[in-house]
Amino acid sequence: RKVVQVGARAVLWSRTALRVMELLERREGVHTQASLYDFARAVRWSEVVASEQQTLSVGAVLSLDRARASGKMRAGDWVCRSCNALVFASKDECYQCGEPRDADT
């Protein structure tokens, strides 16, 4: 089970990273490694992260509307409040982090 979880996280991260890079390319003109570093250096990180102990995470679902429109989200599917993973309707807990399903989802 642990190997499957690690594999699922790796696949999810790579898909999410690709989506983020597509957005950066389209919206910010980031096309190369150098332009990515320039973009990251220009961010005012102190305004994004409250303290040195806090970290950032990129949600796997960038937009619920986008997930619905693409046909990837079906009736009853839900988004984990903890890690933003898109979870099948048949599941009572998140496959990625184990967070139980909200009563209102």
PDB file of N, CA and C in Angstrom:
ATOM      1  N   ARG A   1       0.838  -1.203   0.000  1.00  0.00           N
ATOM      2  CA  ARG A   1       0.000   0.000   0.000  1.00  0.00           C
ATOM      3  C   ARG A   1       0.874   1.253   0.000  1.00  0.00           C
ATOM      4  N   LYS A   2       1.962   1.249   0.761  1.00  0.00           N
ATOM      5  CA  LYS A   2       2.845   2.413   0.842  1.00  0.00           C
ATOM      6  C   LYS A   2       3.445   2.737  -0.525  1.00  0.00           C
ATOM      7  N   VAL A   3       3.868   1.709  -1.256  1.00  0.00           N
ATOM      8  CA  VAL A   3       4.461   1.916  -2.582  1.00  0.00           C
ATOM      9  C   VAL A   3       3.418   2.514  -3.528  1.00  0.00           C
ATOM     10  N   VAL A   4       2.184   2.044  -3.433  1.00  0.00           N
ATOM     11  CA  VAL A   4       1.113   2.560  -4.282  1.00  0.00           C
ATOM     12  C   VAL A   4       0.860   4.028  -3.960  1.00  0.00           C
ATOM     13  N   GLN A   5       0.853   4.367  -2.666  1.00  0.00           N
ATOM     14  CA  GLN A   5       0.640   5.761  -2.264  1.00  0.00           C
ATOM     15  C   GLN A   5       1.759   6.657  -2.799  1.00  0.00           C
ATOM     16  N   VAL A   6       2.989   6.211  -2.672  1.00  0.00           N
ATOM     17  CA  VAL A   6       4.126   6.993  -3.159  1.00  0.00           C
ATOM     18  C   VAL A   6       4.026   7.151  -4.673  1.00  0.00           C
ATOM     19  N   GLY A   7       3.686   6.087  -5.377  1.00  0.00           N
ATOM     20  CA  GLY A   7       3.525   6.146  -6.821  1.00  0.00           C
ATOM     21  C   GLY A   7       2.411   7.094  -7.233  1.00  0.00           C
ATOM     22  N   ALA A   8       1.285   7.022  -6.522  1.00  0.00           N
ATOM     23  CA  ALA A   8       0.153   7.908  -6.829  1.00  0.00           C
ATOM     24  C   ALA A   8       0.526   9.367  -6.607  1.00  0.00           C
ATOM     25  N   ARG A   9       1.247   9.634  -5.536  1.00  0.00           N
ATOM     26  CA  ARG A   9       1.677  11.008  -5.272  1.00  0.00           C
ATOM     27  C   ARG A   9       2.635  11.506  -6.349  1.00  0.00           C
ATOM     28  N   ALA A  10       3.539  10.652  -6.783  1.00  0.00           N
ATOM     29  CA  ALA A  10       4.501  11.048  -7.822  1.00  0.00           C
ATOM     30  C   ALA A  10       3.780  11.368  -9.127  1.00  0.00           C
ATOM     31  N   VAL A  11       2.821  10.529  -9.501  1.00  0.00           N
ATOM     32  CA  VAL A  11       2.063  10.772 -10.729  1.00  0.00           C
ATOM     33  C   VAL A  11       1.252  12.051 -10.593  1.00  0.00           C
ATOM     34  N   LEU A  12       0.598  12.216  -9.455  1.00  0.00           N
ATOM     35  CA  LEU A  12      -0.206  13.412  -9.234  1.00  0.00           C
ATOM     36  C   LEU A  12       0.664  14.655  -9.272  1.00  0.00           C
ATOM     37  N   TRP A  13       1.826  14.602  -8.617  1.00  0.00           N
ATOM     38  CA  TRP A  13       2.706  15.773  -8.611  1.00  0.00           C
ATOM     39  C   TRP A  13       3.174  16.096 -10.020  1.00  0.00           C
ATOM     40  N   SER A  14       3.557  15.084 -10.790  1.00  0.00           N
ATOM     41  CA  SER A  14       4.051  15.362 -12.134  1.00  0.00           C
ATOM     42  C   SER A  14       2.941  15.952 -13.007  1.00  0.00           C
ATOM     43  N   ARG A  15       1.706  15.452 -12.875  1.00  0.00           N
ATOM     44  CA  ARG A  15       0.585  16.007 -13.643  1.00  0.00           C
ATOM     45  C   ARG A  15       0.300  17.435 -13.196  1.00  0.00           C
ATOM     46  N   THR A  16       0.347  17.674 -11.891  1.00  0.00           N
ATOM     47  CA  THR A  16       0.093  19.016 -11.372  1.00  0.00           C
ATOM     48  C   THR A  16       1.194  19.965 -11.810  1.00  0.00           C
ATOM     49  N   ALA A  17       2.436  19.522 -11.731  1.00  0.00           N
ATOM     50  CA  ALA A  17       3.555  20.362 -12.135  1.00  0.00           C
ATOM     51  C   ALA A  17       3.440  20.737 -13.612  1.00  0.00           C
ATOM     52  N   LEU A  18       3.027  19.791 -14.438  1.00  0.00           N
ATOM     53  CA  LEU A  18       2.850  20.086 -15.856  1.00  0.00           C
ATOM     54  C   LEU A  18       1.752  21.120 -16.074  1.00  0.00           C
ATOM     55  N   ARG A  19       0.661  21.004 -15.318  1.00  0.00           N
ATOM     56  CA  ARG A  19      -0.424  21.985 -15.439  1.00  0.00           C
ATOM     57  C   ARG A  19       0.043  23.371 -15.018  1.00  0.00           C
ATOM     58  N   VAL A  20       0.799  23.422 -13.936  1.00  0.00           N
ATOM     59  CA  VAL A  20       1.321  24.706 -13.463  1.00  0.00           C
ATOM     60  C   VAL A  20       2.248  25.302 -14.507  1.00  0.00           C
ATOM     61  N   MET A  21       3.130  24.486 -15.088  1.00  0.00           N
ATOM     62  CA  MET A  21       4.046  24.989 -16.107  1.00  0.00           C
ATOM     63  C   MET A  21       3.290  25.463 -17.347  1.00  0.00           C
ATOM     64  N   GLU A  22       2.210  24.762 -17.723  1.00  0.00           N
ATOM     65  CA  GLU A  22       1.401  25.204 -18.859  1.00  0.00           C
ATOM     66  C   GLU A  22       0.800  26.578 -18.586  1.00  0.00           C
ATOM     67  N   LEU A  23       0.295  26.773 -17.370  1.00  0.00           N
ATOM     68  CA  LEU A  23      -0.268  28.075 -16.999  1.00  0.00           C
ATOM     69  C   LEU A  23       0.798  29.166 -17.002  1.00  0.00           C
ATOM     70  N   LEU A  24       1.978  28.862 -16.454  1.00  0.00           N
ATOM     71  CA  LEU A  24       3.056  29.843 -16.440  1.00  0.00           C
ATOM     72  C   LEU A  24       3.498  30.204 -17.852  1.00  0.00           C
ATOM     73  N   GLU A  25       3.544  29.218 -18.720  1.00  0.00           N
ATOM     74  CA  GLU A  25       3.947  29.488 -20.099  1.00  0.00           C
ATOM     75  C   GLU A  25       2.915  30.377 -20.789  1.00  0.00           C
ATOM     76  N   ARG A  26       1.643  30.028 -20.628  1.00  0.00           N
ATOM     77  CA  ARG A  26       0.574  30.753 -21.312  1.00  0.00           C
ATOM     78  C   ARG A  26       0.375  32.159 -20.739  1.00  0.00           C
ATOM     79  N   ARG A  27       0.388  32.289 -19.416  1.00  0.00           N
ATOM     80  CA  ARG A  27       0.047  33.572 -18.788  1.00  0.00           C
ATOM     81  C   ARG A  27       1.240  34.476 -18.516  1.00  0.00           C
ATOM     82  N   GLU A  28       2.411  33.875 -18.275  1.00  0.00           N
ATOM     83  CA  GLU A  28       3.574  34.674 -17.862  1.00  0.00           C
ATOM     84  C   GLU A  28       4.727  34.628 -18.856  1.00  0.00           C
ATOM     85  N   GLY A  29       4.606  33.827 -19.908  1.00  0.00           N
ATOM     86  CA  GLY A  29       5.666  33.747 -20.903  1.00  0.00           C
ATOM     87  C   GLY A  29       6.898  32.992 -20.430  1.00  0.00           C
ATOM     88  N   VAL A  30       6.734  32.101 -19.468  1.00  0.00           N
ATOM     89  CA  VAL A  30       7.854  31.303 -18.956  1.00  0.00           C
ATOM     90  C   VAL A  30       8.061  30.122 -19.902  1.00  0.00           C
ATOM     91  N   HIS A  31       9.192  30.148 -20.637  1.00  0.00           N
ATOM     92  CA  HIS A  31       9.447  29.111 -21.644  1.00  0.00           C
ATOM     93  C   HIS A  31      10.730  28.324 -21.381  1.00  0.00           C
ATOM     94  N   THR A  32      11.607  28.849 -20.550  1.00  0.00           N
ATOM     95  CA  THR A  32      12.902  28.198 -20.322  1.00  0.00           C
ATOM     96  C   THR A  32      13.175  28.080 -18.828  1.00  0.00           C
ATOM     97  N   GLN A  33      14.188  27.312 -18.490  1.00  0.00           N
ATOM     98  CA  GLN A  33      14.578  27.172 -17.093  1.00  0.00           C
ATOM     99  C   GLN A  33      14.981  28.536 -16.523  1.00  0.00           C
ATOM    100  N   ALA A  34      15.708  29.307 -17.303  1.00  0.00           N
ATOM    101  CA  ALA A  34      16.144  30.625 -16.840  1.00  0.00           C
ATOM    102  C   ALA A  34      14.949  31.541 -16.570  1.00  0.00           C
ATOM    103  N   SER A  35      13.948  31.510 -17.459  1.00  0.00           N
ATOM    104  CA  SER A  35      12.782  32.373 -17.238  1.00  0.00           C
ATOM    105  C   SER A  35      11.957  31.892 -16.044  1.00  0.00           C
ATOM    106  N   LEU A  36      11.969  30.584 -15.773  1.00  0.00           N
ATOM    107  CA  LEU A  36      11.286  30.068 -14.580  1.00  0.00           C
ATOM    108  C   LEU A  36      11.968  30.586 -13.314  1.00  0.00           C
ATOM    109  N   TYR A  37      13.298  30.532 -13.282  1.00  0.00           N
ATOM    110  CA  TYR A  37      14.029  31.054 -12.120  1.00  0.00           C
ATOM    111  C   TYR A  37      13.817  32.557 -11.972  1.00  0.00           C
ATOM    112  N   ASP A  38      13.813  33.286 -13.069  1.00  0.00           N
ATOM    113  CA  ASP A  38      13.551  34.726 -13.009  1.00  0.00           C
ATOM    114  C   ASP A  38      12.162  34.997 -12.441  1.00  0.00           C
ATOM    115  N   PHE A  39      11.183  34.231 -12.893  1.00  0.00           N
ATOM    116  CA  PHE A  39       9.821  34.386 -12.394  1.00  0.00           C
ATOM    117  C   PHE A  39       9.763  34.113 -10.886  1.00  0.00           C
ATOM    118  N   ALA A  40      10.403  33.019 -10.445  1.00  0.00           N
ATOM    119  CA  ALA A  40      10.391  32.662  -9.018  1.00  0.00           C
ATOM    120  C   ALA A  40      11.099  33.722  -8.173  1.00  0.00           C
ATOM    121  N   ARG A  41      12.181  34.294  -8.693  1.00  0.00           N
ATOM    122  CA  ARG A  41      12.900  35.337  -7.957  1.00  0.00           C
ATOM    123  C   ARG A  41      12.060  36.610  -7.819  1.00  0.00           C
ATOM    124  N   ALA A  42      11.185  36.861  -8.776  1.00  0.00           N
ATOM    125  CA  ALA A  42      10.377  38.086  -8.757  1.00  0.00           C
ATOM    126  C   ALA A  42       9.191  38.014  -7.788  1.00  0.00           C
ATOM    127  N   VAL A  43       8.844  36.812  -7.340  1.00  0.00           N
ATOM    128  CA  VAL A  43       7.716  36.654  -6.419  1.00  0.00           C
ATOM    129  C   VAL A  43       8.083  37.235  -5.059  1.00  0.00           C
ATOM    130  N   ARG A  44       7.179  37.974  -4.474  1.00  0.00           N
ATOM    131  CA  ARG A  44       7.371  38.493  -3.109  1.00  0.00           C
ATOM    132  C   ARG A  44       6.914  37.416  -2.135  1.00  0.00           C
ATOM    133  N   TRP A  45       7.814  36.481  -1.846  1.00  0.00           N
ATOM    134  CA  TRP A  45       7.473  35.301  -1.054  1.00  0.00           C
ATOM    135  C   TRP A  45       6.992  35.658   0.346  1.00  0.00           C
ATOM    136  N   SER A  46       7.469  36.752   0.900  1.00  0.00           N
ATOM    137  CA  SER A  46       7.024  37.147   2.242  1.00  0.00           C
ATOM    138  C   SER A  46       5.533  37.487   2.262  1.00  0.00           C
ATOM    139  N   GLU A  47       4.968  37.829   1.106  1.00  0.00           N
ATOM    140  CA  GLU A  47       3.535  38.103   1.020  1.00  0.00           C
ATOM    141  C   GLU A  47       2.723  36.833   0.798  1.00  0.00           C
ATOM    142  N   VAL A  48       3.383  35.772   0.353  1.00  0.00           N
ATOM    143  CA  VAL A  48       2.703  34.515   0.060  1.00  0.00           C
ATOM    144  C   VAL A  48       2.780  33.559   1.243  1.00  0.00           C
ATOM    145  N   VAL A  49       3.924  33.518   1.897  1.00  0.00           N
ATOM    146  CA  VAL A  49       4.164  32.607   3.015  1.00  0.00           C
ATOM    147  C   VAL A  49       4.313  33.429   4.287  1.00  0.00           C
ATOM    148  N   ALA A  50       3.523  33.097   5.306  1.00  0.00           N
ATOM    149  CA  ALA A  50       3.485  33.896   6.534  1.00  0.00           C
ATOM    150  C   ALA A  50       4.735  33.751   7.400  1.00  0.00           C
ATOM    151  N   SER A  51       5.346  32.569   7.398  1.00  0.00           N
ATOM    152  CA  SER A  51       6.524  32.355   8.238  1.00  0.00           C
ATOM    153  C   SER A  51       7.465  31.361   7.579  1.00  0.00           C
ATOM    154  N   GLU A  52       8.670  31.244   8.125  1.00  0.00           N
ATOM    155  CA  GLU A  52       9.651  30.303   7.567  1.00  0.00           C
ATOM    156  C   GLU A  52       9.226  28.855   7.781  1.00  0.00           C
ATOM    157  N   GLN A  53       8.335  28.604   8.744  1.00  0.00           N
ATOM    158  CA  GLN A  53       7.866  27.245   9.016  1.00  0.00           C
ATOM    159  C   GLN A  53       6.746  26.824   8.060  1.00  0.00           C
ATOM    160  N   GLN A  54       6.106  27.781   7.424  1.00  0.00           N
ATOM    161  CA  GLN A  54       4.999  27.488   6.524  1.00  0.00           C
ATOM    162  C   GLN A  54       5.536  27.077   5.155  1.00  0.00           C
ATOM    163  N   THR A  55       4.825  26.195   4.484  1.00  0.00           N
ATOM    164  CA  THR A  55       5.214  25.773   3.134  1.00  0.00           C
ATOM    165  C   THR A  55       4.056  26.007   2.180  1.00  0.00           C
ATOM    166  N   LEU A  56       4.341  25.913   0.915  1.00  0.00           N
ATOM    167  CA  LEU A  56       3.327  26.037  -0.121  1.00  0.00           C
ATOM    168  C   LEU A  56       3.016  24.662  -0.684  1.00  0.00           C
ATOM    169  N   SER A  57       1.782  24.473  -1.090  1.00  0.00           N
ATOM    170  CA  SER A  57       1.451  23.258  -1.834  1.00  0.00           C
ATOM    171  C   SER A  57       0.534  23.653  -2.971  1.00  0.00           C
ATOM    172  N   VAL A  58       0.661  22.939  -4.050  1.00  0.00           N
ATOM    173  CA  VAL A  58      -0.166  23.208  -5.215  1.00  0.00           C
ATOM    174  C   VAL A  58      -1.280  22.184  -5.224  1.00  0.00           C
ATOM    175  N   GLY A  59      -2.511  22.665  -5.214  1.00  0.00           N
ATOM    176  CA  GLY A  59      -3.650  21.759  -5.243  1.00  0.00           C
ATOM    177  C   GLY A  59      -3.722  21.015  -6.557  1.00  0.00           C
ATOM    178  N   ALA A  60      -4.078  19.727  -6.488  1.00  0.00           N
ATOM    179  CA  ALA A  60      -4.171  18.935  -7.704  1.00  0.00           C
ATOM    180  C   ALA A  60      -5.315  19.397  -8.579  1.00  0.00           C
ATOM    181  N   VAL A  61      -6.358  19.892  -7.975  1.00  0.00           N
ATOM    182  CA  VAL A  61      -7.479  20.413  -8.743  1.00  0.00           C
ATOM    183  C   VAL A  61      -7.354  21.921  -8.756  1.00  0.00           C
ATOM    184  N   LEU A  62      -6.975  22.455  -9.908  1.00  0.00           N
ATOM    185  CA  LEU A  62      -6.777  23.886 -10.017  1.00  0.00           C
ATOM    186  C   LEU A  62      -8.101  24.616 -10.098  1.00  0.00           C
ATOM    187  N   SER A  63      -9.122  23.966 -10.559  1.00  0.00           N
ATOM    188  CA  SER A  63     -10.418  24.601 -10.683  1.00  0.00           C
ATOM    189  C   SER A  63     -11.494  23.526 -10.766  1.00  0.00           C
ATOM    190  N   LEU A  64     -12.495  23.622  -9.899  1.00  0.00           N
ATOM    191  CA  LEU A  64     -13.594  22.659  -9.966  1.00  0.00           C
ATOM    192  C   LEU A  64     -14.345  22.790 -11.282  1.00  0.00           C
ATOM    193  N   ASP A  65     -14.532  24.018 -11.725  1.00  0.00           N
ATOM    194  CA  ASP A  65     -15.220  24.227 -12.997  1.00  0.00           C
ATOM    195  C   ASP A  65     -14.456  23.568 -14.135  1.00  0.00           C
ATOM    196  N   ARG A  66     -13.140  23.681 -14.088  1.00  0.00           N
ATOM    197  CA  ARG A  66     -12.301  23.081 -15.123  1.00  0.00           C
ATOM    198  C   ARG A  66     -12.409  21.553 -15.091  1.00  0.00           C
ATOM    199  N   ALA A  67     -12.421  20.969 -13.883  1.00  0.00           N
ATOM    200  CA  ALA A  67     -12.541  19.517 -13.751  1.00  0.00           C
ATOM    201  C   ALA A  67     -13.891  19.046 -14.280  1.00  0.00           C
ATOM    202  N   ARG A  68     -14.939  19.774 -13.951  1.00  0.00           N
ATOM    203  CA  ARG A  68     -16.273  19.413 -14.442  1.00  0.00           C
ATOM    204  C   ARG A  68     -16.350  19.544 -15.969  1.00  0.00           C
ATOM    205  N   ALA A  69     -15.833  20.649 -16.485  1.00  0.00           N
ATOM    206  CA  ALA A  69     -15.902  20.905 -17.924  1.00  0.00           C
ATOM    207  C   ALA A  69     -15.117  19.872 -18.731  1.00  0.00           C
ATOM    208  N   SER A  70     -14.028  19.383 -18.162  1.00  0.00           N
ATOM    209  CA  SER A  70     -13.187  18.421 -18.886  1.00  0.00           C
ATOM    210  C   SER A  70     -13.765  17.011 -18.841  1.00  0.00           C
ATOM    211  N   GLY A  71     -14.796  16.805 -18.010  1.00  0.00           N
ATOM    212  CA  GLY A  71     -15.381  15.477 -17.881  1.00  0.00           C
ATOM    213  C   GLY A  71     -14.647  14.595 -16.895  1.00  0.00           C
ATOM    214  N   LYS A  72     -13.631  15.136 -16.230  1.00  0.00           N
ATOM    215  CA  LYS A  72     -12.871  14.346 -15.258  1.00  0.00           C
ATOM    216  C   LYS A  72     -13.615  14.213 -13.930  1.00  0.00           C
ATOM    217  N   MET A  73     -14.506  15.145 -13.649  1.00  0.00           N
ATOM    218  CA  MET A  73     -15.277  15.103 -12.407  1.00  0.00           C
ATOM    219  C   MET A  73     -16.685  14.660 -12.747  1.00  0.00           C
ATOM    220  N   ARG A  74     -17.128  13.616 -12.083  1.00  0.00           N
ATOM    221  CA  ARG A  74     -18.464  13.088 -12.323  1.00  0.00           C
ATOM    222  C   ARG A  74     -19.342  13.356 -11.114  1.00  0.00           C
ATOM    223  N   ALA A  75     -20.628  13.203 -11.294  1.00  0.00           N
ATOM    224  CA  ALA A  75     -21.588  13.433 -10.212  1.00  0.00           C
ATOM    225  C   ALA A  75     -21.186  12.632  -8.977  1.00  0.00           C
ATOM    226  N   GLY A  76     -21.123  13.303  -7.842  1.00  0.00           N
ATOM    227  CA  GLY A  76     -20.789  12.643  -6.585  1.00  0.00           C
ATOM    228  C   GLY A  76     -19.309  12.672  -6.242  1.00  0.00           C
ATOM    229  N   ASP A  77     -18.436  12.911  -7.218  1.00  0.00           N
ATOM    230  CA  ASP A  77     -17.009  13.043  -6.919  1.00  0.00           C
ATOM    231  C   ASP A  77     -16.830  14.244  -6.003  1.00  0.00           C
ATOM    232  N   TRP A  78     -15.772  14.234  -5.212  1.00  0.00           N
ATOM    233  CA  TRP A  78     -15.545  15.322  -4.263  1.00  0.00           C
ATOM    234  C   TRP A  78     -14.080  15.679  -4.203  1.00  0.00           C
ATOM    235  N   VAL A  79     -13.811  16.879  -3.719  1.00  0.00           N
ATOM    236  CA  VAL A  79     -12.443  17.371  -3.598  1.00  0.00           C
ATOM    237  C   VAL A  79     -12.057  17.353  -2.128  1.00  0.00           C
ATOM    238  N   CYS A  80     -10.933  16.731  -1.820  1.00  0.00           N
ATOM    239  CA  CYS A  80     -10.448  16.630  -0.441  1.00  0.00           C
ATOM    240  C   CYS A  80     -10.127  18.024   0.099  1.00  0.00           C
ATOM    241  N   ARG A  81     -10.636  18.319   1.292  1.00  0.00           N
ATOM    242  CA  ARG A  81     -10.400  19.642   1.887  1.00  0.00           C
ATOM    243  C   ARG A  81      -8.964  19.791   2.378  1.00  0.00           C
ATOM    244  N   SER A  82      -8.279  18.686   2.553  1.00  0.00           N
ATOM    245  CA  SER A  82      -6.917  18.732   3.076  1.00  0.00           C
ATOM    246  C   SER A  82      -5.861  18.896   1.981  1.00  0.00           C
ATOM    247  N   CYS A  83      -5.981  18.106   0.894  1.00  0.00           N
ATOM    248  CA  CYS A  83      -4.922  18.114  -0.127  1.00  0.00           C
ATOM    249  C   CYS A  83      -5.411  18.493  -1.516  1.00  0.00           C
ATOM    250  N   ASN A  84      -6.714  18.742  -1.667  1.00  0.00           N
ATOM    251  CA  ASN A  84      -7.320  19.151  -2.938  1.00  0.00           C
ATOM    252  C   ASN A  84      -7.349  18.070  -4.011  1.00  0.00           C
ATOM    253  N   ALA A  85      -7.162  16.829  -3.634  1.00  0.00           N
ATOM    254  CA  ALA A  85      -7.242  15.741  -4.615  1.00  0.00           C
ATOM    255  C   ALA A  85      -8.691  15.538  -5.030  1.00  0.00           C
ATOM    256  N   LEU A  86      -8.897  15.173  -6.275  1.00  0.00           N
ATOM    257  CA  LEU A  86     -10.217  14.820  -6.782  1.00  0.00           C
ATOM    258  C   LEU A  86     -10.445  13.354  -6.443  1.00  0.00           C
ATOM    259  N   VAL A  87     -11.512  13.068  -5.675  1.00  0.00           N
ATOM    260  CA  VAL A  87     -11.749  11.713  -5.154  1.00  0.00           C
ATOM    261  C   VAL A  87     -13.065  11.180  -5.723  1.00  0.00           C
ATOM    262  N   PHE A  88     -13.071   9.918  -6.104  1.00  0.00           N
ATOM    263  CA  PHE A  88     -14.277   9.294  -6.649  1.00  0.00           C
ATOM    264  C   PHE A  88     -15.403   9.266  -5.624  1.00  0.00           C
ATOM    265  N   ALA A  89     -16.628   9.343  -6.110  1.00  0.00           N
ATOM    266  CA  ALA A  89     -17.812   9.367  -5.257  1.00  0.00           C
ATOM    267  C   ALA A  89     -17.898   8.136  -4.352  1.00  0.00           C
ATOM    268  N   SER A  90     -17.384   7.017  -4.800  1.00  0.00           N
ATOM    269  CA  SER A  90     -17.494   5.765  -4.031  1.00  0.00           C
ATOM    270  C   SER A  90     -16.574   5.708  -2.817  1.00  0.00           C
ATOM    271  N   LYS A  91     -15.654   6.665  -2.689  1.00  0.00           N
ATOM    272  CA  LYS A  91     -14.668   6.643  -1.606  1.00  0.00           C
ATOM    273  C   LYS A  91     -15.123   7.501  -0.432  1.00  0.00           C
ATOM    274  N   ASP A  92     -14.907   7.002   0.784  1.00  0.00           N
ATOM    275  CA  ASP A  92     -15.256   7.737   2.001  1.00  0.00           C
ATOM    276  C   ASP A  92     -14.069   8.477   2.591  1.00  0.00           C
ATOM    277  N   GLU A  93     -12.884   8.194   2.053  1.00  0.00           N
ATOM    278  CA  GLU A  93     -11.698   8.930   2.485  1.00  0.00           C
ATOM    279  C   GLU A  93     -10.804   9.187   1.282  1.00  0.00           C
ATOM    280  N   CYS A  94      -9.977  10.205   1.393  1.00  0.00           N
ATOM    281  CA  CYS A  94      -9.093  10.593   0.306  1.00  0.00           C
ATOM    282  C   CYS A  94      -8.030   9.520   0.071  1.00  0.00           C
ATOM    283  N   TYR A  95      -7.847   9.154  -1.189  1.00  0.00           N
ATOM    284  CA  TYR A  95      -6.832   8.152  -1.539  1.00  0.00           C
ATOM    285  C   TYR A  95      -5.419   8.688  -1.326  1.00  0.00           C
ATOM    286  N   GLN A  96      -5.276  10.008  -1.345  1.00  0.00           N
ATOM    287  CA  GLN A  96      -3.942  10.601  -1.279  1.00  0.00           C
ATOM    288  C   GLN A  96      -3.476  10.824   0.159  1.00  0.00           C
ATOM    289  N   CYS A  97      -4.354  11.395   0.991  1.00  0.00           N
ATOM    290  CA  CYS A  97      -3.910  11.747   2.346  1.00  0.00           C
ATOM    291  C   CYS A  97      -4.697  11.059   3.456  1.00  0.00           C
ATOM    292  N   GLY A  98      -5.783  10.371   3.109  1.00  0.00           N
ATOM    293  CA  GLY A  98      -6.562   9.650   4.107  1.00  0.00           C
ATOM    294  C   GLY A  98      -7.606  10.491   4.835  1.00  0.00           C
ATOM    295  N   GLU A  99      -7.743  11.749   4.463  1.00  0.00           N
ATOM    296  CA  GLU A  99      -8.729  12.641   5.094  1.00  0.00           C
ATOM    297  C   GLU A  99     -10.139  12.096   4.843  1.00  0.00           C
ATOM    298  N   PRO A 100     -10.969  12.007   5.907  1.00  0.00           N
ATOM    299  CA  PRO A 100     -12.342  11.529   5.697  1.00  0.00           C
ATOM    300  C   PRO A 100     -13.157  12.530   4.873  1.00  0.00           C
ATOM    301  N   ARG A 101     -14.129  11.996   4.187  1.00  0.00           N
ATOM    302  CA  ARG A 101     -15.031  12.834   3.382  1.00  0.00           C
ATOM    303  C   ARG A 101     -15.875  13.730   4.287  1.00  0.00           C
ATOM    304  N   ASP A 102     -16.046  14.987   3.874  1.00  0.00           N
ATOM    305  CA  ASP A 102     -16.920  15.908   4.613  1.00  0.00           C
ATOM    306  C   ASP A 102     -18.352  15.429   4.508  1.00  0.00           C
ATOM    307  N   ALA A 103     -19.143  15.729   5.514  1.00  0.00           N
ATOM    308  CA  ALA A 103     -20.560  15.373   5.470  1.00  0.00           C
ATOM    309  C   ALA A 103     -21.292  16.101   4.362  1.00  0.00           C
ATOM    310  N   ASP A 104     -20.821  17.284   4.023  1.00  0.00           N
ATOM    311  CA  ASP A 104     -21.503  18.093   3.005  1.00  0.00           C
ATOM    312  C   ASP A 104     -20.968  17.909   1.595  1.00  0.00           C
ATOM    313  N   THR A 105     -20.090  16.926   1.356  1.00  0.00           N
ATOM    314  CA  THR A 105     -19.584  16.699  -0.002  1.00  0.00           C
ATOM    315  C   THR A 105     -20.197  15.445  -0.590  1.00  0.00           C
TER     316      THR A 105
END
